[in-house]
């Protein structure tokens, strides 16, 4: 249908929304841990505790936000209003996270860090990013258009991530703190989210529901509990973003203490992200070649295992430019980046498919509750990443005041960067080969189209007959 087509400008505007979210979260994911340990001098154990404790609340906030999103009906749409109001607070709390006051004692610094990180991730980012992800299913129900939108989206965020990786360490050092660069980033993120809000349109209207059809929280949980692929998607998001969180948060430690150059973080990041961008751009062709999104998930995990495995086997605690270990580090990151790119597009494009599977199995289509998987898995995974970095460093008594770290700490940094992500990737590969949504999707959609048409006719007849029935009831009462 023509109404389901999305122009390239609207796709770019849709991508700008995720670029705004990426600016916020990449800075947090890549630099907040090392900011806490090296600049604020919060212990690695305390950082791990902050990350883990916030994750406890995150699990509930995503489900709550999904519940509210399913019940949002306004002139601005269902998802767009949440993007609008949360955008300025995203910018404000990014700055607050990187502005821990020097005059506070250690305990109060930990409290401040917890509160600002909590409100950014549990409240504001949940409202913004979950609504943004759900916007996909309201803009179009064409699978190719959805894949195209997500390809453009992740090309933009990938390029943005490359720029952030190069600029942030250098800018933070030049300014003497992260505050100024975060003010700039916050303003940019705010503008990008507004562009997404004003340009993107919600074409797919929710099916009309009668008052008796409203879904309770208990009913939402029942529908999700019958959605097998919801659990698969949760596991994919958690594993992938845990890997991203671990390697992102530990990359600066690798650059600072093993490469001995903070600026190398940009090159390390680009080695992974540039192939990721290319893979995102090529995703529609890769998906068609592999005959479905699920097969791209499997291929992505294979590439993860190869990339992380190469680094695990060949990279040591001493790396010289031009050495085998040096090139293994860059090439391994590149291979992993290709897997990450096709995973990103596949997972986010698959959420709408999983929502449709839930409608097919349980008779309810819950976009908000199903899309909570993206925000839930994203934040749980990245939070686990930051917590793992802090926990492992605390085990070796990491001391940020030491310019030269002991061998035990260097080994721990390699473990964080390569060993743990390799183990998670193997787990993800095993999970992914046990099922396949693509195999049942065509039959499922044929049945759903018939069911939806019958529901629409039934609802239409009820609306026509209701005035007549009301009149009969009034006459009987008299």
Protein backbone atom coordinates (compact mmCIF):
# COMPACT_ATOMS: atom_id res chain seq x y z
CA UNK A 1 0.00 0.00 0.00
CA UNK A 2 1.27 3.48 -0.86
CA UNK A 3 0.39 4.74 2.60
CA UNK A 4 2.94 2.36 4.05
CA UNK A 5 5.83 3.78 2.04
CA UNK A 6 8.33 5.93 3.90
CA UNK A 7 10.32 8.61 2.07
CA UNK A 8 14.10 8.74 2.36
CA UNK A 9 13.91 12.07 4.23
CA UNK A 10 11.53 10.54 6.75
CA UNK A 11 13.83 7.51 7.11
CA UNK A 12 16.74 9.87 7.79
CA UNK A 13 14.62 11.79 10.29
CA UNK A 14 13.69 8.50 11.93
CA UNK A 15 17.39 7.67 12.10
CA UNK A 16 18.10 11.05 13.65
CA UNK A 17 16.02 10.02 16.66
CA UNK A 18 18.23 7.00 17.30
CA UNK A 19 21.33 9.09 16.62
CA UNK A 20 20.18 11.40 19.41
CA UNK A 21 19.72 8.42 21.73
CA UNK A 22 23.11 7.04 20.63
CA UNK A 23 24.87 10.28 21.47
CA UNK A 24 23.47 10.08 24.98
CA UNK A 25 24.01 6.39 25.59
CA UNK A 26 27.34 5.90 23.82
CA UNK A 27 28.91 8.61 25.92
CA UNK A 28 27.47 6.97 29.02
CA UNK A 29 28.37 3.45 27.92
CA UNK A 30 31.90 4.19 26.74
CA UNK A 31 33.10 6.84 29.16
CA UNK A 32 31.01 6.92 32.34
CA UNK A 33 32.74 3.94 34.00
CA UNK A 34 36.25 5.28 33.48
CA UNK A 35 35.03 8.77 34.45
CA UNK A 36 33.79 7.38 37.76
CA UNK A 37 36.95 5.36 38.52
CA UNK A 38 39.69 7.64 37.15
CA UNK A 39 38.26 11.18 37.40
CA UNK A 40 35.83 11.03 40.32
CA UNK A 41 37.90 8.35 42.14
CA UNK A 42 34.91 6.15 42.96
CA UNK A 43 36.09 2.60 43.64
CA UNK A 44 35.55 -0.02 40.93
CA UNK A 45 33.47 -2.06 43.39
CA UNK A 46 31.16 0.92 44.02
CA UNK A 47 30.80 1.49 40.28
CA UNK A 48 29.79 -2.14 39.82
CA UNK A 49 27.25 -1.78 42.64
CA UNK A 50 25.75 1.36 41.04
CA UNK A 51 25.37 -0.32 37.66
CA UNK A 52 23.83 -3.50 39.09
CA UNK A 53 21.45 -1.80 41.51
CA UNK A 54 20.04 0.48 38.82
CA UNK A 55 19.38 -2.57 36.62
CA UNK A 56 16.98 -3.96 39.24
CA UNK A 57 14.68 -0.97 38.73
CA UNK A 58 15.19 -0.97 34.97
CA UNK A 59 13.48 -4.32 34.56
CA UNK A 60 10.29 -2.92 36.06
CA UNK A 61 10.41 0.48 34.37
CA UNK A 62 10.43 -0.98 30.86
CA UNK A 63 7.36 -3.10 31.51
CA UNK A 64 5.59 -0.14 33.14
CA UNK A 65 6.46 2.13 30.22
CA UNK A 66 5.24 -0.50 27.76
CA UNK A 67 1.97 -0.65 29.69
CA UNK A 68 1.51 3.15 29.46
CA UNK A 69 2.51 3.24 25.80
CA UNK A 70 -0.17 0.70 24.92
CA UNK A 71 -2.73 3.02 26.53
CA UNK A 72 -1.51 6.27 25.01
CA UNK A 73 -3.89 7.79 22.47
CA UNK A 74 -3.42 11.46 21.61
CA UNK A 75 -3.64 13.82 18.67
CA UNK A 76 0.15 13.48 18.35
CA UNK A 77 -0.07 9.70 18.19
CA UNK A 78 0.98 6.94 20.58
CA UNK A 79 4.79 7.04 20.50
CA UNK A 80 5.66 10.58 19.36
CA UNK A 81 4.43 12.44 22.49
CA UNK A 82 6.81 10.48 24.72
CA UNK A 83 9.74 11.34 22.45
CA UNK A 84 8.83 15.04 22.64
CA UNK A 85 8.66 15.44 26.40
CA UNK A 86 11.64 13.24 27.24
CA UNK A 87 14.07 14.88 24.77
CA UNK A 88 15.11 17.90 26.92
CA UNK A 89 15.54 15.78 30.04
CA UNK A 90 17.84 13.40 28.15
CA UNK A 91 20.19 16.32 27.49
CA UNK A 92 20.01 17.68 31.04
CA UNK A 93 20.73 14.40 32.78
CA UNK A 94 23.61 13.54 30.45
CA UNK A 95 25.38 16.65 31.71
CA UNK A 96 24.46 15.91 35.33
CA UNK A 97 25.91 12.38 35.11
CA UNK A 98 29.30 13.77 34.12
CA UNK A 99 29.23 16.64 36.62
CA UNK A 100 29.84 14.90 39.96
CA UNK A 101 30.83 17.76 42.34
CA UNK A 102 34.45 17.60 43.55
CA UNK A 103 33.56 18.95 47.00
CA UNK A 104 31.44 15.91 47.90
CA UNK A 105 32.83 13.12 50.04
CA UNK A 106 33.16 9.62 48.58
CA UNK A 107 29.84 8.42 49.97
CA UNK A 108 27.93 11.43 48.65
CA UNK A 109 29.64 11.08 45.27
CA UNK A 110 28.34 7.53 45.08
CA UNK A 111 24.83 8.71 46.03
CA UNK A 112 24.97 11.50 43.43
CA UNK A 113 26.23 9.09 40.75
CA UNK A 114 23.48 6.61 41.56
CA UNK A 115 20.66 9.18 41.48
CA UNK A 116 21.68 10.87 38.22
CA UNK A 117 22.38 7.54 36.49
CA UNK A 118 19.08 6.17 37.83
CA UNK A 119 16.94 9.03 36.50
CA UNK A 120 18.71 9.07 33.13
CA UNK A 121 18.38 5.34 32.47
CA UNK A 122 15.38 4.10 34.47
CA UNK A 123 13.01 7.00 33.88
CA UNK A 124 13.97 9.26 31.00
CA UNK A 125 15.83 6.99 28.61
CA UNK A 126 13.16 4.30 29.08
CA UNK A 127 10.37 6.70 28.08
CA UNK A 128 12.28 8.05 25.08
CA UNK A 129 13.92 4.98 23.60
CA UNK A 130 11.07 2.53 24.13
CA UNK A 131 8.66 4.94 22.43
CA UNK A 132 11.15 5.56 19.64
CA UNK A 133 11.54 1.85 18.96
CA UNK A 134 7.77 1.33 18.97
CA UNK A 135 7.44 4.13 16.42
CA UNK A 136 8.66 1.66 13.74
CA UNK A 137 5.45 -0.36 13.83
CA UNK A 138 3.28 2.79 13.71
CA UNK A 139 5.06 4.27 10.67
CA UNK A 140 4.61 1.25 8.37
CA UNK A 141 3.71 -2.43 8.41
CA UNK A 142 5.73 -3.20 5.25
CA UNK A 143 8.60 -5.54 6.18
CA UNK A 144 10.95 -4.15 3.52
CA UNK A 145 10.23 -0.58 4.61
CA UNK A 146 10.92 -1.52 8.23
CA UNK A 147 14.20 -3.16 7.23
CA UNK A 148 15.12 -0.09 5.18
CA UNK A 149 14.30 2.29 8.03
CA UNK A 150 16.44 0.30 10.44
CA UNK A 151 19.30 0.10 7.94
CA UNK A 152 19.36 3.89 7.58
CA UNK A 153 19.01 4.25 11.33
CA UNK A 154 21.99 2.08 12.18
CA UNK A 155 24.19 3.53 9.44
CA UNK A 156 23.61 6.93 11.03
CA UNK A 157 24.22 5.72 14.58
CA UNK A 158 27.32 3.83 13.46
CA UNK A 159 28.83 6.92 11.86
CA UNK A 160 27.89 8.92 14.95
CA UNK A 161 29.60 6.36 17.16
CA UNK A 162 32.83 6.67 15.13
CA UNK A 163 32.82 10.45 15.56
CA UNK A 164 32.09 10.15 19.29
CA UNK A 165 34.92 7.65 19.73
CA UNK A 166 37.47 9.99 18.21
CA UNK A 167 36.25 13.31 19.60
CA UNK A 168 35.27 12.53 23.20
CA UNK A 169 38.62 11.40 24.72
CA UNK A 170 40.49 14.24 23.00
CA UNK A 171 37.85 16.86 23.85
CA UNK A 172 37.57 15.75 27.48
CA UNK A 173 41.34 16.06 27.86
CA UNK A 174 41.42 19.46 26.15
CA UNK A 175 38.56 20.88 28.24
CA UNK A 176 39.84 19.29 31.44
CA UNK A 177 36.46 17.62 32.10
CA UNK A 178 33.55 15.97 30.34
CA UNK A 179 31.01 18.68 31.22
CA UNK A 180 31.50 21.02 28.25
CA UNK A 181 31.52 18.28 25.64
CA UNK A 182 28.40 16.77 27.28
CA UNK A 183 26.60 20.11 27.01
CA UNK A 184 27.36 20.12 23.28
CA UNK A 185 26.31 16.49 22.91
CA UNK A 186 23.11 17.09 24.90
CA UNK A 187 22.08 20.01 22.68
CA UNK A 188 22.75 17.97 19.55
CA UNK A 189 20.74 15.00 20.87
CA UNK A 190 17.82 17.29 21.75
CA UNK A 191 17.76 18.77 18.23
CA UNK A 192 17.92 15.33 16.57
CA UNK A 193 15.05 13.97 18.66
CA UNK A 194 12.92 17.01 17.79
CA UNK A 195 13.60 16.41 14.08
CA UNK A 196 12.38 12.84 14.50
CA UNK A 197 9.25 14.02 16.32
CA UNK A 198 8.26 16.66 13.76
CA UNK A 199 8.94 14.71 10.56
CA UNK A 200 7.98 11.11 11.34
CA UNK A 201 4.30 10.21 10.94
CA UNK A 202 2.28 7.46 12.57
CA UNK A 203 0.42 5.94 9.59
CA UNK A 204 -0.60 2.65 11.15
CA UNK A 205 -3.44 3.32 13.52
CA UNK A 206 -4.16 0.81 16.30
CA UNK A 207 -7.11 -1.44 15.65
CA UNK A 208 -10.28 0.11 17.13
CA UNK A 209 -11.10 -1.42 20.48
CA UNK A 210 -14.27 -1.41 22.47
CA UNK A 211 -14.17 -0.41 26.15
CA UNK A 212 -14.48 -4.07 27.12
CA UNK A 213 -11.40 -4.88 25.02
CA UNK A 214 -9.01 -2.81 27.12
CA UNK A 215 -6.04 -4.86 28.28
CA UNK A 216 -5.18 -5.05 31.95
CA UNK A 217 -1.65 -5.39 33.25
CA UNK A 218 -2.39 -9.01 34.12
CA UNK A 219 -3.64 -9.64 30.59
CA UNK A 220 -0.51 -8.03 29.13
CA UNK A 221 1.67 -10.40 31.13
CA UNK A 222 -0.47 -13.34 30.01
CA UNK A 223 -0.05 -12.41 26.35
CA UNK A 224 3.71 -12.00 26.73
CA UNK A 225 3.99 -15.29 28.60
CA UNK A 226 2.56 -17.10 25.54
CA UNK A 227 4.96 -15.38 23.16
CA UNK A 228 7.88 -17.81 22.85
CA UNK A 229 9.86 -15.52 20.61
CA UNK A 230 9.62 -12.68 23.11
CA UNK A 231 11.96 -14.70 25.36
CA UNK A 232 14.32 -15.40 22.49
CA UNK A 233 14.47 -11.72 21.61
CA UNK A 234 15.10 -10.78 25.24
CA UNK A 235 18.06 -13.15 25.33
CA UNK A 236 19.45 -11.74 22.06
CA UNK A 237 19.18 -8.15 23.27
CA UNK A 238 20.71 -8.89 26.67
CA UNK A 239 23.63 -10.90 25.26
CA UNK A 240 24.38 -8.44 22.46
CA UNK A 241 24.20 -5.32 24.57
CA UNK A 242 26.10 -6.96 27.41
CA UNK A 243 28.88 -7.57 24.89
CA UNK A 244 28.57 -3.99 23.65
CA UNK A 245 28.56 -2.66 27.22
CA UNK A 246 31.58 -4.71 28.26
CA UNK A 247 33.74 -3.88 25.25
CA UNK A 248 32.54 -0.27 25.17
CA UNK A 249 33.20 0.42 28.85
CA UNK A 250 36.52 -1.44 28.87
CA UNK A 251 37.86 -0.05 25.60
CA UNK A 252 39.26 3.04 27.27
CA UNK A 253 41.11 0.87 29.81
CA UNK A 254 42.58 -1.15 26.93
CA UNK A 255 43.69 2.04 25.16
CA UNK A 256 45.03 3.74 28.26
CA UNK A 257 46.92 0.90 29.93
CA UNK A 258 47.78 -1.61 27.19
CA UNK A 259 48.06 0.56 24.06
CA UNK A 260 49.12 3.46 26.32
CA UNK A 261 47.27 6.06 24.27
CA UNK A 262 43.77 7.36 25.08
CA UNK A 263 43.37 8.66 21.52
CA UNK A 264 43.74 5.10 20.18
CA UNK A 265 40.22 4.46 21.45
CA UNK A 266 38.91 6.24 18.36
CA UNK A 267 40.82 3.89 16.03
CA UNK A 268 39.77 0.86 18.08
CA UNK A 269 36.16 1.98 17.96
CA UNK A 270 36.27 2.74 14.22
CA UNK A 271 37.73 -0.72 13.46
CA UNK A 272 34.48 -2.20 14.80
CA UNK A 273 31.95 0.46 13.84
CA UNK A 274 32.91 1.10 10.21
CA UNK A 275 32.28 -2.56 9.23
CA UNK A 276 29.12 -2.34 11.34
CA UNK A 277 27.90 0.63 9.28
CA UNK A 278 28.59 -1.21 6.03
CA UNK A 279 26.77 -4.29 7.35
CA UNK A 280 23.76 -2.15 8.37
CA UNK A 281 23.64 -0.61 4.91
CA UNK A 282 23.83 -4.04 3.28
CA UNK A 283 21.29 -5.63 5.62
CA UNK A 284 18.31 -5.79 3.21
CA UNK A 285 20.44 -7.70 0.70
CA UNK A 286 21.95 -9.91 3.42
CA UNK A 287 18.47 -10.67 4.76
CA UNK A 288 17.21 -11.63 1.31
CA UNK A 289 20.30 -13.75 0.64
CA UNK A 290 19.87 -15.61 3.94
CA UNK A 291 16.08 -15.73 3.49
CA UNK A 292 15.10 -14.07 6.73
CA UNK A 293 16.11 -12.07 9.77
CA UNK A 294 16.59 -15.09 12.02
CA UNK A 295 19.33 -16.54 9.82
CA UNK A 296 21.16 -13.21 9.98
CA UNK A 297 21.06 -13.51 13.78
CA UNK A 298 22.77 -16.90 13.53
CA UNK A 299 25.40 -15.56 11.11
CA UNK A 300 25.99 -12.60 13.41
CA UNK A 301 26.80 -14.86 16.35
CA UNK A 302 29.20 -16.88 14.18
CA UNK A 303 31.02 -13.65 13.31
CA UNK A 304 31.07 -12.67 17.01
CA UNK A 305 32.74 -15.95 17.91
CA UNK A 306 35.33 -15.59 15.14
CA UNK A 307 36.11 -11.94 15.95
CA UNK A 308 36.35 -12.25 19.72
CA UNK A 309 38.09 -15.62 19.34
CA UNK A 310 40.82 -14.10 17.18
CA UNK A 311 41.49 -11.40 19.78
CA UNK A 312 41.40 -13.94 22.63
CA UNK A 313 44.00 -16.15 20.94
CA UNK A 314 46.39 -13.54 19.51
CA UNK A 315 46.25 -10.36 21.64
CA UNK A 316 48.42 -10.07 24.75
CA UNK A 317 49.20 -7.40 27.32
CA UNK A 318 52.04 -5.94 25.23
CA UNK A 319 51.07 -4.67 21.79
CA UNK A 320 53.40 -2.94 19.37
CA UNK A 321 52.15 -1.07 16.33
CA UNK A 322 52.45 -3.26 13.23
CA UNK A 323 52.72 -6.51 15.18
CA UNK A 324 50.55 -9.59 14.66
CA UNK A 325 48.66 -8.80 17.87
CA UNK A 326 48.02 -5.24 16.70
CA UNK A 327 46.44 -6.34 13.41
CA UNK A 328 44.60 -9.21 15.08
CA UNK A 329 43.02 -6.66 17.43
CA UNK A 330 41.83 -4.46 14.56
CA UNK A 331 40.73 -7.29 12.25
CA UNK A 332 38.98 -9.16 15.09
CA UNK A 333 37.10 -5.99 15.98
CA UNK A 334 36.13 -5.59 12.33
CA UNK A 335 34.74 -9.13 12.04
CA UNK A 336 32.83 -8.67 15.27
CA UNK A 337 31.57 -5.32 13.95
CA UNK A 338 30.03 -6.94 10.85
CA UNK A 339 28.15 -9.37 13.10
CA UNK A 340 27.05 -6.52 15.34
CA UNK A 341 25.76 -4.51 12.37
CA UNK A 342 23.49 -7.20 10.96
CA UNK A 343 22.35 -8.10 14.49
CA UNK A 344 21.30 -4.54 15.27
CA UNK A 345 19.06 -4.19 12.24
CA UNK A 346 17.70 -7.73 12.49
CA UNK A 347 16.81 -7.52 16.18
CA UNK A 348 15.06 -4.17 16.01
CA UNK A 349 13.25 -5.04 12.77
CA UNK A 350 12.19 -8.37 14.30
CA UNK A 351 10.41 -6.78 17.27
CA UNK A 352 7.36 -5.96 15.14
CA UNK A 353 7.35 -9.57 13.89
CA UNK A 354 7.41 -10.82 17.47
CA UNK A 355 4.49 -8.50 18.36
CA UNK A 356 2.55 -10.04 15.48
CA UNK A 357 3.44 -13.53 16.72
CA UNK A 358 1.97 -12.57 20.11
CA UNK A 359 -1.20 -11.36 18.38
CA UNK A 360 -1.39 -14.66 16.48
CA UNK A 361 -0.91 -16.84 19.58
CA UNK A 362 -2.91 -14.88 22.16
CA UNK A 363 -5.25 -12.68 20.13
CA UNK A 364 -3.68 -9.42 21.33
CA UNK A 365 -1.20 -7.11 19.65
CA UNK A 366 0.78 -5.30 22.34
CA UNK A 367 3.29 -3.01 20.65
CA UNK A 368 4.34 -1.19 23.81
CA UNK A 369 4.80 -4.27 25.98
CA UNK A 370 6.61 -6.15 23.20
CA UNK A 371 8.83 -3.20 22.36
CA UNK A 372 9.86 -3.06 25.99
CA UNK A 373 12.20 -5.92 25.03
CA UNK A 374 14.44 -3.46 23.20
CA UNK A 375 14.79 -0.97 26.04
CA UNK A 376 14.88 -3.72 28.69
CA UNK A 377 17.52 -5.80 26.91
CA UNK A 378 19.46 -2.74 25.87
CA UNK A 379 19.78 -1.30 29.37
CA UNK A 380 20.12 -4.61 31.20
CA UNK A 381 22.85 -5.64 28.77
CA UNK A 382 24.75 -2.36 28.88
CA UNK A 383 24.30 -2.13 32.65
CA UNK A 384 25.68 -5.63 33.03
CA UNK A 385 28.59 -4.53 30.85
CA UNK A 386 29.49 -1.63 33.13
CA UNK A 387 28.97 -3.79 36.21
CA UNK A 388 31.22 -6.57 34.84
CA UNK A 389 33.99 -4.07 34.14
CA UNK A 390 33.75 -2.66 37.65
CA UNK A 391 33.46 -6.08 39.30
CA UNK A 392 36.45 -7.63 37.51
CA UNK A 393 38.63 -4.58 38.13
CA UNK A 394 37.69 -4.59 41.81
CA UNK A 395 38.77 -8.26 42.03
CA UNK A 396 42.32 -7.27 41.06
CA UNK A 397 42.26 -4.17 43.30
CA UNK A 398 42.44 -1.73 40.42
CA UNK A 399 44.14 1.52 41.43
CA UNK A 400 43.51 4.43 39.05
CA UNK A 401 46.36 6.46 40.59
CA UNK A 402 48.94 4.07 39.11
CA UNK A 403 50.27 5.15 35.72
CA UNK A 404 51.67 1.65 35.11
CA UNK A 405 49.27 -1.11 36.08
CA UNK A 406 50.46 -4.49 37.43
CA UNK A 407 50.30 -7.60 35.23
CA UNK A 408 47.24 -8.89 37.09
CA UNK A 409 45.28 -5.77 36.13
CA UNK A 410 46.40 -5.94 32.49
CA UNK A 411 45.30 -9.58 32.30
CA UNK A 412 41.95 -8.59 33.78
CA UNK A 413 41.50 -5.91 31.11
CA UNK A 414 42.05 -8.53 28.39
CA UNK A 415 39.59 -10.87 30.10
CA UNK A 416 36.97 -8.15 30.13
CA UNK A 417 37.55 -7.19 26.49
CA UNK A 418 37.75 -10.64 24.91
CA UNK A 419 37.17 -13.70 27.11
CA UNK A 420 33.82 -12.78 28.65
CA UNK A 421 32.32 -11.50 25.35
CA UNK A 422 33.50 -14.70 23.61
CA UNK A 423 31.68 -16.84 26.17
CA UNK A 424 28.49 -14.78 25.82
CA UNK A 425 28.69 -15.03 22.02
CA UNK A 426 28.90 -18.82 22.14
CA UNK A 427 25.82 -18.88 24.40
CA UNK A 428 23.96 -16.63 21.95
CA UNK A 429 24.87 -18.86 19.01
CA UNK A 430 23.58 -21.95 20.80
CA UNK A 431 20.29 -20.21 21.65
CA UNK A 432 19.79 -18.88 18.12
CA UNK A 433 20.00 -22.28 16.41
CA UNK A 434 17.24 -23.82 18.54
CA UNK A 435 14.33 -22.01 16.81
CA UNK A 436 13.46 -19.85 13.79
CA UNK A 437 10.59 -17.35 13.51
CA UNK A 438 11.12 -16.93 9.76
CA UNK A 439 9.89 -20.46 9.09
CA UNK A 440 6.40 -19.84 10.45
CA UNK A 441 6.03 -16.12 9.65
CA UNK A 442 4.32 -16.43 6.19
CA UNK A 443 1.63 -18.82 7.46
CA UNK A 444 1.17 -16.76 10.60
CA UNK A 445 0.60 -13.53 8.66
CA UNK A 446 -1.93 -15.14 6.29
CA UNK A 447 -3.99 -16.27 9.27
CA UNK A 448 -3.65 -12.87 10.94
CA UNK A 449 -4.84 -10.99 7.86
CA UNK A 450 -7.98 -13.14 7.73
CA UNK A 451 -8.55 -12.72 11.46
CA UNK A 452 -8.07 -8.94 11.31
CA UNK A 453 -10.51 -8.61 8.42
CA UNK A 454 -13.14 -10.59 10.34
CA UNK A 455 -12.60 -8.44 13.45
CA UNK A 456 -12.89 -5.25 11.40
CA UNK A 457 -16.18 -6.40 9.85
CA UNK A 458 -17.53 -7.45 13.23
CA UNK A 459 -16.62 -4.12 14.81
CA UNK A 460 -18.12 -2.23 11.88
CA UNK A 461 -21.44 -4.09 12.22
CA UNK A 462 -21.52 -3.46 15.97
CA UNK A 463 -20.99 0.26 15.43
CA UNK A 464 -23.84 0.34 12.88
CA UNK A 465 -26.22 -1.67 15.07
CA UNK A 466 -25.43 0.06 18.39
CA UNK A 467 -27.74 3.14 17.91
CA UNK A 468 -30.60 0.79 16.98
CA UNK A 469 -29.95 -1.42 20.01
CA UNK A 470 -29.72 1.62 22.29
CA UNK A 471 -33.08 2.81 20.99
CA UNK A 472 -34.68 -0.62 21.65
CA UNK A 473 -33.28 -0.62 25.17
CA UNK A 474 -34.69 2.85 25.78
CA UNK A 475 -38.14 1.82 24.55
CA UNK A 476 -38.11 -1.30 26.72
CA UNK A 477 -37.18 0.77 29.74
CA UNK A 478 -40.15 3.05 29.10
